[in-house]
Amino acid sequence: MSATRLAIVHEHPTWQEPLFKALGDRGVQFHTYDLKSAAFDLDGEVHTPVVFNQASPSASLRGNGHAVSFALALLEHLEAAGAKVLNGSSAFRLELSKIAQVRLIRRLGMDYPRTFAFNRAEALRDQDVKLRFPAILKPNQGGSGARMAEVGSLEEAISLLEADPSYWDPDPVLLLQEKLDHDPNGEGIVRMEFLDGELLYAMRVVGVSGFNLCPSVDCNPEGEEAGTCSIPVEDSPGKPGFLPYPDIPGEVVEEGRRLFAATGFNIGALEYLITSDGRRVFYDINANSNLRRSVGLAMGFDPFDRVAEYLEKEMLA
């Protein structure tokens, strides 16, 4: 780490560019630490007092799966050396495990999707009496909707995994989760972005028919142009719409704030939906928060500038 006061740890080639620009516009000096090819000296001094972690569990989709474990080791090392690490190792561990996320939501007494974890498809036969279909097959370590599929029966799930062993990589722990029926053109899915414990903005994600709901314009562009996400188009056929949600109910904001506080994140996002039978179910927690500038601008501010302002404040604290 160099002698500037702020470092941003990242792996994706373009996700952080809007933030880099916002920091530059503020005159904030910083340096980047690219996880795609990196090393650190365990005996070396850490000269950067503030580190913002933007590592993503989806790195393996871009051929950078080794960056995930390395990021966790690096964050722990920086914390032990006394650096202030925003979205640090405990936050990153939570992002890497859907199981841990469900456990946290359940502990807080909030509604969550019924979930079964397994490491061999045949092991699900022991749970057959408890399983309900259709269900969603997903990885414990997720990212950008990869390795997800809807299955209509246990036999279909087993056949799918036998036909495509790649579902087990890179984390050989999979989940079978209840399908949460909802109106994709109604309230849809709601994503709440939090910054330093407070709601930055909420947005509705509508018109969804696939699993890739990443709000980055790299994955889901604003116009008709094709995205550059590593998830193939055929795996995510529906292009979601991202709509500002300024009138999100206050009680939902308070519930989200309580969940966010329990994550230990400094910056991040929560996702929930209202099911067809009226349940409000939180089902996903993201520390690497890809902001949607157009949503913030519709509410009168640039969300990347808000994050840059926060990072600048942390540098001076």
Protein backbone atom coordinates (compact mmCIF):
# COMPACT_ATOMS: atom_id res chain seq x y z
CA MET A 1 0.00 0.00 0.00
CA SER A 2 1.32 3.43 -0.91
CA ALA A 3 1.41 6.54 1.26
CA THR A 4 -1.91 8.09 0.15
CA ARG A 5 -4.61 8.13 2.82
CA LEU A 6 -7.20 6.15 0.84
CA ALA A 7 -6.98 2.88 -1.07
CA ILE A 8 -9.78 1.18 -2.98
CA VAL A 9 -9.51 -2.60 -3.26
CA HIS A 10 -11.27 -3.90 -6.36
CA GLU A 11 -11.23 -6.52 -9.11
CA HIS A 12 -13.86 -5.56 -11.68
CA PRO A 13 -12.30 -3.59 -14.57
CA THR A 14 -14.99 -0.88 -14.81
CA TRP A 15 -17.49 -0.99 -11.92
CA GLN A 16 -15.51 1.50 -9.82
CA GLU A 17 -14.81 4.04 -12.57
CA PRO A 18 -17.75 6.35 -11.63
CA LEU A 19 -16.50 6.41 -8.04
CA PHE A 20 -12.93 7.09 -9.15
CA LYS A 21 -14.21 10.05 -11.16
CA ALA A 22 -16.28 11.37 -8.26
CA LEU A 23 -13.24 11.23 -5.99
CA GLY A 24 -11.12 12.97 -8.61
CA ASP A 25 -13.73 15.70 -9.04
CA ARG A 26 -13.46 16.33 -5.30
CA GLY A 27 -9.67 16.49 -5.49
CA VAL A 28 -9.31 13.41 -3.29
CA GLN A 29 -6.01 11.62 -3.74
CA PHE A 30 -6.31 7.85 -3.63
CA HIS A 31 -4.79 4.77 -5.12
CA THR A 32 -6.28 1.49 -6.31
CA TYR A 33 -5.31 -2.04 -5.37
CA ASP A 34 -6.25 -4.42 -8.18
CA LEU A 35 -6.96 -7.94 -6.93
CA LYS A 36 -6.60 -9.58 -10.34
CA SER A 37 -2.84 -9.80 -9.79
CA ALA A 38 -1.62 -8.76 -6.36
CA ALA A 39 0.80 -9.48 -3.52
CA PHE A 40 1.59 -8.10 -0.09
CA ASP A 41 4.48 -8.40 2.32
CA LEU A 42 3.42 -9.74 5.72
CA ASP A 43 6.39 -7.90 7.27
CA GLY A 44 5.77 -4.67 5.40
CA GLU A 45 4.24 -1.58 6.99
CA VAL A 46 0.75 -0.45 6.01
CA HIS A 47 0.88 3.24 5.15
CA THR A 48 -2.72 3.70 3.99
CA PRO A 49 -4.98 4.42 6.98
CA VAL A 50 -8.33 4.03 5.15
CA VAL A 51 -9.18 1.17 2.80
CA PHE A 52 -12.49 0.73 0.98
CA ASN A 53 -13.16 -2.86 -0.03
CA GLN A 54 -14.99 -3.31 -3.33
CA ALA A 55 -14.09 -6.96 -3.95
CA SER A 56 -16.91 -9.01 -5.45
CA PRO A 57 -17.84 -12.67 -4.95
CA SER A 58 -18.61 -12.77 -8.69
CA ALA A 59 -14.90 -12.46 -9.56
CA SER A 60 -14.81 -16.11 -10.63
CA LEU A 61 -17.21 -15.27 -13.49
CA ARG A 62 -14.46 -13.12 -14.97
CA GLY A 63 -11.72 -15.73 -14.51
CA ASN A 64 -10.52 -14.10 -11.29
CA GLY A 65 -11.79 -16.54 -8.70
CA HIS A 66 -8.45 -16.49 -6.89
CA ALA A 67 -9.11 -12.82 -6.08
CA VAL A 68 -11.86 -13.70 -3.59
CA SER A 69 -9.80 -15.69 -1.09
CA PHE A 70 -6.89 -13.31 -1.57
CA ALA A 71 -9.13 -10.33 -0.83
CA LEU A 72 -10.26 -11.87 2.44
CA ALA A 73 -6.64 -12.55 3.48
CA LEU A 74 -5.64 -9.01 2.52
CA LEU A 75 -8.49 -7.38 4.45
CA GLU A 76 -7.69 -9.38 7.57
CA HIS A 77 -4.03 -8.41 7.27
CA LEU A 78 -4.85 -4.72 6.87
CA GLU A 79 -7.22 -4.79 9.84
CA ALA A 80 -4.62 -6.52 12.01
CA ALA A 81 -2.12 -3.83 10.99
CA GLY A 82 -4.46 -1.11 12.22
CA ALA A 83 -6.00 0.21 9.00
CA LYS A 84 -9.61 1.34 8.96
CA VAL A 85 -11.15 -1.05 6.45
CA LEU A 86 -14.61 -0.08 5.22
CA ASN A 87 -16.70 -3.13 4.30
CA GLY A 88 -13.97 -5.17 5.94
CA SER A 89 -13.38 -8.87 6.39
CA SER A 90 -16.49 -9.65 8.47
CA ALA A 91 -18.70 -7.81 5.95
CA PHE A 92 -17.02 -9.63 3.07
CA ARG A 93 -17.52 -13.00 4.77
CA LEU A 94 -21.23 -12.24 5.07
CA GLU A 95 -21.43 -11.30 1.39
CA LEU A 96 -19.77 -14.58 0.42
CA SER A 97 -22.40 -16.72 2.15
CA LYS A 98 -26.12 -16.75 1.37
CA ILE A 99 -26.44 -19.20 4.27
CA ALA A 100 -25.04 -16.62 6.69
CA GLN A 101 -27.34 -13.97 5.23
CA VAL A 102 -30.45 -16.10 5.72
CA ARG A 103 -29.31 -16.92 9.26
CA LEU A 104 -28.91 -13.21 10.06
CA ILE A 105 -32.33 -12.29 8.63
CA ARG A 106 -33.91 -15.12 10.60
CA ARG A 107 -32.15 -14.08 13.84
CA LEU A 108 -33.64 -10.60 13.49
CA GLY A 109 -37.14 -12.07 13.28
CA MET A 110 -37.65 -11.00 9.68
CA ASP A 111 -39.23 -13.09 6.93
CA TYR A 112 -36.79 -15.06 4.79
CA PRO A 113 -36.95 -17.68 2.04
CA ARG A 114 -37.00 -21.30 3.24
CA THR A 115 -33.58 -22.65 2.27
CA PHE A 116 -31.82 -26.02 2.11
CA ALA A 117 -28.02 -26.26 1.75
CA PHE A 118 -26.31 -29.29 0.25
CA ASN A 119 -23.04 -30.52 -1.25
CA ARG A 120 -24.39 -33.59 -3.08
CA ALA A 121 -27.63 -33.54 -4.99
CA GLU A 122 -28.60 -37.02 -3.77
CA ALA A 123 -28.43 -35.77 -0.18
CA LEU A 124 -31.58 -33.77 -0.85
CA ARG A 125 -33.57 -37.00 -0.93
CA ASP A 126 -33.32 -37.08 2.88
CA GLN A 127 -35.13 -33.71 2.90
CA ASP A 128 -37.69 -34.67 0.27
CA VAL A 129 -40.66 -34.51 2.63
CA LYS A 130 -39.80 -30.86 3.48
CA LEU A 131 -39.02 -29.62 -0.04
CA ARG A 132 -41.53 -27.57 -2.00
CA PHE A 133 -41.44 -26.98 -5.76
CA PRO A 134 -40.97 -25.04 -7.91
CA ALA A 135 -37.78 -23.88 -6.22
CA ILE A 136 -34.69 -21.85 -7.07
CA LEU A 137 -31.30 -23.50 -7.29
CA LYS A 138 -28.54 -21.04 -6.40
CA PRO A 139 -24.95 -21.00 -5.12
CA ASN A 140 -24.03 -20.14 -1.56
CA GLN A 141 -21.41 -17.76 -2.98
CA GLY A 142 -23.41 -15.90 -5.56
CA GLY A 143 -22.91 -13.01 -7.94
CA SER A 144 -24.75 -11.48 -10.93
CA GLY A 145 -27.35 -14.24 -10.99
CA ALA A 146 -24.84 -16.89 -12.07
CA ARG A 147 -25.44 -20.61 -11.51
CA MET A 148 -29.13 -20.09 -10.76
CA ALA A 149 -32.06 -22.01 -12.18
CA GLU A 150 -35.71 -22.65 -11.46
CA VAL A 151 -36.46 -26.34 -10.97
CA GLY A 152 -39.87 -28.00 -10.79
CA SER A 153 -38.92 -31.15 -8.91
CA LEU A 154 -36.14 -32.84 -7.02
CA GLU A 155 -35.46 -35.09 -9.99
CA GLU A 156 -35.12 -32.06 -12.25
CA ALA A 157 -32.61 -30.51 -9.84
CA ILE A 158 -30.57 -33.72 -9.70
CA SER A 159 -30.62 -34.13 -13.48
CA LEU A 160 -29.53 -30.52 -14.00
CA LEU A 161 -26.55 -30.89 -11.67
CA GLU A 162 -25.53 -34.18 -13.25
CA ALA A 163 -25.68 -32.65 -16.73
CA ASP A 164 -23.72 -29.52 -15.80
CA PRO A 165 -21.05 -29.99 -13.09
CA SER A 166 -20.05 -26.32 -13.41
CA TYR A 167 -22.86 -25.46 -10.99
CA TRP A 168 -20.53 -26.68 -8.23
CA ASP A 169 -17.73 -24.19 -9.02
CA PRO A 170 -16.12 -22.32 -7.37
CA ASP A 171 -17.98 -22.88 -4.08
CA PRO A 172 -19.25 -26.47 -3.87
CA VAL A 173 -22.13 -25.53 -1.57
CA LEU A 174 -25.48 -25.07 -3.29
CA LEU A 175 -28.87 -23.99 -2.05
CA LEU A 176 -32.39 -24.98 -2.92
CA GLN A 177 -34.60 -22.06 -1.97
CA GLU A 178 -38.34 -21.55 -2.08
CA LYS A 179 -39.52 -19.63 -5.13
CA LEU A 180 -41.00 -16.32 -4.02
CA ASP A 181 -43.89 -15.62 -6.38
CA HIS A 182 -44.46 -11.92 -6.97
CA ASP A 183 -45.73 -9.53 -9.62
CA PRO A 184 -42.64 -8.43 -11.60
CA ASN A 185 -44.55 -5.49 -13.03
CA GLY A 186 -46.10 -4.42 -9.74
CA GLU A 187 -43.94 -3.29 -6.86
CA GLY A 188 -41.46 -5.84 -8.17
CA ILE A 189 -38.20 -6.33 -6.35
CA VAL A 190 -37.00 -3.45 -4.20
CA ARG A 191 -33.31 -2.66 -3.72
CA MET A 192 -32.39 -0.37 -0.84
CA GLU A 193 -28.96 1.27 -0.92
CA PHE A 194 -27.51 2.28 2.46
CA LEU A 195 -24.59 4.57 3.21
CA ASP A 196 -23.19 4.88 6.74
CA GLY A 197 -26.36 3.44 8.26
CA GLU A 198 -28.85 5.63 6.41
CA LEU A 199 -30.91 5.01 3.29
CA LEU A 200 -29.25 6.54 0.25
CA TYR A 201 -32.11 5.62 -2.08
CA ALA A 202 -34.55 2.84 -2.87
CA MET A 203 -35.42 1.61 -6.33
CA ARG A 204 -37.84 -0.84 -7.81
CA VAL A 205 -36.54 -3.54 -10.15
CA VAL A 206 -39.35 -4.48 -12.52
CA GLY A 207 -39.94 -6.55 -15.64
CA VAL A 208 -37.60 -9.28 -14.45
CA SER A 209 -37.55 -12.67 -16.16
CA GLY A 210 -33.94 -13.66 -15.50
CA PHE A 211 -31.67 -13.68 -12.45
CA ASN A 212 -29.08 -11.02 -13.27
CA LEU A 213 -30.35 -7.94 -11.41
CA CYS A 214 -27.01 -6.17 -11.15
CA PRO A 215 -27.78 -2.41 -11.31
CA SER A 216 -24.43 -1.52 -12.86
CA VAL A 217 -24.81 -0.05 -16.36
CA ASP A 218 -22.12 -2.53 -17.42
CA CYS A 219 -24.54 -5.37 -16.77
CA ASN A 220 -27.84 -3.65 -17.50
CA PRO A 221 -27.31 -0.52 -19.65
CA GLU A 222 -29.68 2.43 -19.62
CA GLY A 223 -30.47 2.23 -23.34
CA GLU A 224 -30.87 -0.52 -25.88
CA GLU A 225 -27.18 -1.33 -26.15
CA ALA A 226 -25.95 -4.72 -24.99
CA GLY A 227 -24.35 -5.05 -21.60
CA THR A 228 -20.83 -6.26 -20.99
CA CYS A 229 -21.61 -8.53 -18.04
CA SER A 230 -19.91 -11.91 -17.90
CA ILE A 231 -23.29 -13.62 -17.55
CA PRO A 232 -24.34 -14.67 -21.08
CA VAL A 233 -27.49 -13.07 -22.45
CA GLU A 234 -29.20 -16.41 -22.82
CA ASP A 235 -28.85 -16.97 -19.05
CA SER A 236 -30.57 -13.67 -18.28
CA PRO A 237 -33.21 -13.08 -20.96
CA GLY A 238 -35.24 -10.38 -19.26
CA LYS A 239 -33.81 -6.88 -19.14
CA PRO A 240 -34.93 -5.41 -15.82
CA GLY A 241 -36.03 -1.84 -15.36
CA PHE A 242 -34.66 0.22 -12.46
CA LEU A 243 -37.12 2.83 -11.19
CA PRO A 244 -36.69 5.38 -8.38
CA TYR A 245 -38.81 4.52 -5.33
CA PRO A 246 -38.91 7.73 -3.28
CA ASP A 247 -42.17 6.82 -1.54
CA ILE A 248 -40.97 3.53 -0.03
CA PRO A 249 -42.94 3.03 3.22
CA GLY A 250 -41.22 4.32 6.34
CA GLU A 251 -41.68 1.05 8.24
CA VAL A 252 -39.84 -0.78 5.48
CA VAL A 253 -36.97 1.71 5.67
CA GLU A 254 -36.75 1.13 9.43
CA GLU A 255 -36.73 -2.64 8.97
CA GLY A 256 -34.03 -2.30 6.33
CA ARG A 257 -32.00 0.01 8.55
CA ARG A 258 -32.14 -2.57 11.36
CA LEU A 259 -30.93 -5.33 9.04
CA PHE A 260 -28.22 -3.14 7.55
CA ALA A 261 -26.91 -2.21 11.01
CA ALA A 262 -26.62 -5.91 11.84
CA THR A 263 -24.52 -6.63 8.75
CA GLY A 264 -21.63 -4.44 9.87
CA PHE A 265 -21.41 -2.94 6.38
CA ASN A 266 -20.43 0.68 5.82
CA ILE A 267 -21.97 0.77 2.34
CA GLY A 268 -24.24 -1.82 0.81
CA ALA A 269 -27.62 -2.91 -0.50
CA LEU A 270 -30.54 -5.03 0.65
CA GLU A 271 -33.13 -6.62 -1.61
CA TYR A 272 -36.67 -7.65 -0.75
CA LEU A 273 -39.91 -8.38 -2.52
CA ILE A 274 -43.59 -8.58 -1.69
CA THR A 275 -44.89 -12.05 -2.47
CA SER A 276 -48.22 -12.74 -4.12
CA ASP A 277 -49.67 -13.64 -0.71
CA GLY A 278 -48.43 -10.43 0.94
CA ARG A 279 -45.17 -11.47 2.62
CA ARG A 280 -42.30 -8.96 2.71
CA VAL A 281 -39.20 -11.13 2.30
CA PHE A 282 -35.62 -9.90 2.46
CA TYR A 283 -33.51 -12.35 0.48
CA ASP A 284 -30.18 -10.77 -0.57
CA ILE A 285 -27.45 -8.65 1.02
CA ASN A 286 -24.72 -6.98 -1.07
CA ALA A 287 -21.62 -5.22 0.21
CA ASN A 288 -20.24 -4.43 -3.25
CA SER A 289 -22.97 -1.96 -4.05
CA ASN A 290 -23.21 -1.06 -7.74
CA LEU A 291 -25.06 2.22 -7.69
CA ARG A 292 -27.41 3.38 -10.43
CA ARG A 293 -26.59 7.02 -11.13
CA SER A 294 -29.86 7.71 -12.98
CA VAL A 295 -31.87 6.65 -9.93
CA GLY A 296 -29.99 9.02 -7.65
CA LEU A 297 -30.18 11.87 -10.15
CA ALA A 298 -33.95 11.41 -10.34
CA MET A 299 -33.96 12.13 -6.61
CA GLY A 300 -31.71 15.16 -6.95
CA PHE A 301 -28.20 13.89 -6.24
CA ASP A 302 -25.31 11.87 -7.67
CA PRO A 303 -24.97 8.73 -5.53
CA PHE A 304 -21.29 8.31 -6.42
CA ASP A 305 -20.58 11.81 -5.17
CA ARG A 306 -22.30 10.92 -1.89
CA VAL A 307 -20.02 7.90 -1.51
CA ALA A 308 -16.97 10.00 -2.39
CA GLU A 309 -18.03 12.56 0.22
CA TYR A 310 -18.34 9.78 2.80
CA LEU A 311 -14.90 8.37 1.96
CA GLU A 312 -13.40 11.84 2.21
CA LYS A 313 -14.96 12.24 5.65
CA GLU A 314 -13.54 8.87 6.76
CA MET A 315 -10.07 9.95 5.61
CA LEU A 316 -10.26 13.05 7.82
CA ALA A 317 -11.78 11.35 10.87
